[in-house]
Structures are given as C-alpha cells and as structure tokens.
Protein backbone atom coordinates (compact mmCIF):
# COMPACT_ATOMS: atom_id res chain seq x y z
CA MET A 1 9.37 11.07 -22.43
CA THR A 2 12.03 8.99 -20.69
CA LEU A 3 12.25 8.32 -16.98
CA GLN A 4 15.36 10.50 -16.79
CA GLU A 5 13.52 13.38 -18.49
CA ILE A 6 10.63 13.01 -16.06
CA GLU A 7 13.04 13.03 -13.13
CA THR A 8 14.69 16.20 -14.43
CA GLU A 9 11.29 17.88 -14.80
CA LEU A 10 10.20 16.79 -11.31
CA LEU A 11 13.26 18.43 -9.79
CA THR A 12 12.20 21.79 -11.27
CA LEU A 13 8.84 21.69 -9.49
CA THR A 14 8.11 23.40 -6.19
CA SER A 15 7.54 21.25 -3.11
CA SER A 16 3.81 21.85 -3.41
CA GLU A 17 3.79 20.79 -7.05
CA GLN A 18 5.83 17.69 -6.23
CA ALA A 19 3.31 16.78 -3.51
CA GLN A 20 0.50 17.13 -6.06
CA VAL A 21 2.35 14.81 -8.45
CA ILE A 22 2.78 12.24 -5.69
CA GLN A 23 -0.89 12.47 -4.76
CA THR A 24 -1.93 12.02 -8.39
CA LEU A 25 0.36 9.01 -8.80
CA MET A 26 -0.95 7.40 -5.61
CA GLN A 27 -4.56 7.90 -6.68
CA THR A 28 -3.84 6.47 -10.11
CA LEU A 29 -1.94 3.48 -8.71
CA GLY A 30 -4.58 2.93 -6.04
CA LYS A 31 -7.27 2.58 -8.69
CA ASN A 32 -5.21 -0.04 -10.45
CA SER A 33 -4.14 -2.09 -7.42
CA ARG A 34 -3.99 -5.39 -9.27
CA GLY A 35 -1.88 -6.82 -6.49
CA ILE A 36 -4.63 -6.26 -3.92
CA THR A 37 -7.81 -8.33 -3.87
CA LYS A 38 -10.97 -8.57 -1.79
CA THR A 39 -12.55 -12.00 -1.75
CA PRO A 40 -15.76 -12.70 0.18
CA GLY A 41 -15.06 -15.34 2.81
CA VAL A 42 -11.29 -14.75 2.79
CA CYS A 43 -10.05 -12.75 5.78
CA GLY A 44 -13.51 -11.30 6.23
CA GLY A 45 -13.46 -9.86 2.73
CA THR A 46 -10.78 -7.31 3.63
CA ALA A 47 -8.15 -6.17 1.17
CA CYS A 48 -5.34 -8.74 0.93
CA ILE A 49 -2.19 -9.21 -1.08
CA ALA A 50 -3.36 -11.11 -4.18
CA ASN A 51 -3.23 -14.89 -3.92
CA THR A 52 -2.54 -14.77 -0.17
CA ARG A 53 -4.43 -14.43 3.08
CA ILE A 54 -2.26 -11.50 4.18
CA PRO A 55 -4.49 -8.50 4.87
CA VAL A 56 -3.23 -5.05 3.98
CA TRP A 57 -4.35 -3.78 7.39
CA SER A 58 -2.03 -6.27 9.13
CA LEU A 59 0.97 -5.01 7.17
CA ILE A 60 0.06 -1.42 8.02
CA GLU A 61 -0.33 -2.33 11.68
CA ALA A 62 3.05 -4.11 11.67
CA ARG A 63 4.70 -1.07 10.10
CA THR A 64 3.07 1.15 12.75
CA LEU A 65 4.54 -1.12 15.43
CA GLY A 66 8.02 -0.58 14.00
CA TYR A 67 8.54 -3.49 11.65
CA SER A 68 10.67 -2.58 8.65
CA GLU A 69 10.03 -3.74 5.11
CA ALA A 70 12.94 -6.14 5.52
CA ASP A 71 11.29 -7.55 8.67
CA LEU A 72 8.03 -8.04 6.80
CA LEU A 73 9.71 -9.72 3.83
CA THR A 74 11.47 -12.07 6.25
CA SER A 75 8.28 -12.78 8.21
CA TYR A 76 6.27 -13.36 5.04
CA PRO A 77 8.65 -15.10 2.62
CA THR A 78 5.99 -15.26 -0.11
CA LEU A 79 5.76 -11.46 -0.24
CA THR A 80 7.79 -9.32 -2.59
CA ALA A 81 8.83 -5.69 -2.39
CA THR A 82 6.22 -5.02 -5.08
CA ASP A 83 3.53 -6.56 -2.87
CA LEU A 84 4.50 -4.20 -0.05
CA THR A 85 4.48 -1.21 -2.39
CA GLN A 86 0.99 -2.17 -3.56
CA ALA A 87 -0.11 -2.49 0.09
CA TRP A 88 1.27 0.95 0.99
CA ILE A 89 -0.40 2.54 -2.03
CA TYR A 90 -3.70 0.80 -1.31
CA ALA A 91 -3.60 1.90 2.32
CA ALA A 92 -2.76 5.49 1.35
CA THR A 93 -5.67 5.63 -1.08
CA HIS A 94 -8.13 3.83 1.25
CA PRO A 95 -7.21 5.16 4.71
CA GLU A 96 -10.68 4.93 6.24
CA GLU A 97 -11.11 1.31 5.12
CA ILE A 98 -7.74 0.33 6.62
CA ALA A 99 -8.37 2.23 9.87
CA THR A 100 -11.74 0.49 10.24
CA ALA A 101 -10.19 -2.94 9.60
CA ILE A 102 -7.51 -2.27 12.22
CA GLN A 103 -10.13 -1.18 14.76
CA ILE A 104 -12.29 -4.24 14.10
CA ASN A 105 -9.35 -6.59 14.48
CA GLU A 106 -8.04 -4.88 17.63
CA ALA A 107 -11.46 -5.36 19.21
CA ALA A 108 -11.58 -9.04 18.28
C-alpha cells in the first residue's frame, strides 16, 4: 500500500477511528524511540535526545512555556526536526515519566 493510498483510506474513517489510528501509531513509535536514550549518570538517567544531554522533559517544559519548534531548533542547533518529533512521541507515550521529571526539576 502506498502512502497516498493510506491517506485516502484515513480520510474515509470517522474521527473516532482516526484518533485510534493516531494512538496506535504513537504507541508503536514510542516503543521504537531509537532517537531517545536513557543513560545512567547522564542527566540523572532521564530520557534524552540520543547522543546529547538534552532531556525530553526540558523540551516539553519549553513547549509548555510557549517556545515553538523553530525556537527550540534555534536554541539547540544540534537538534533536528526528527529529534523533536521523537521527543513529542516519547512524551506522549510516557506522560507520567515526563511529568515526574518536570516536577523533580522544578523542585531542584
């Protein structure tokens, strides 16, 4: 099946069915977050963009504070749009972990 065929099929689904597809994709991508790593001793072992010391929770917090993706890419020149996508997916599939990391770092 081509991407165009998939897109055509997605447009025939109800809003509820589309939401289920999105949820399934996010769960699948979250399980395969190759761009996100946890390394003991690096940023407290929290989830980071691979090969960096940029925690996912900090990107989520920045987005919550109103930073756009363009702002983040400017602030972190080593990041790519793919890195941000991986961070958003990871955060969506691990919300409790991210919320806890934000709370811990706000208290520090």
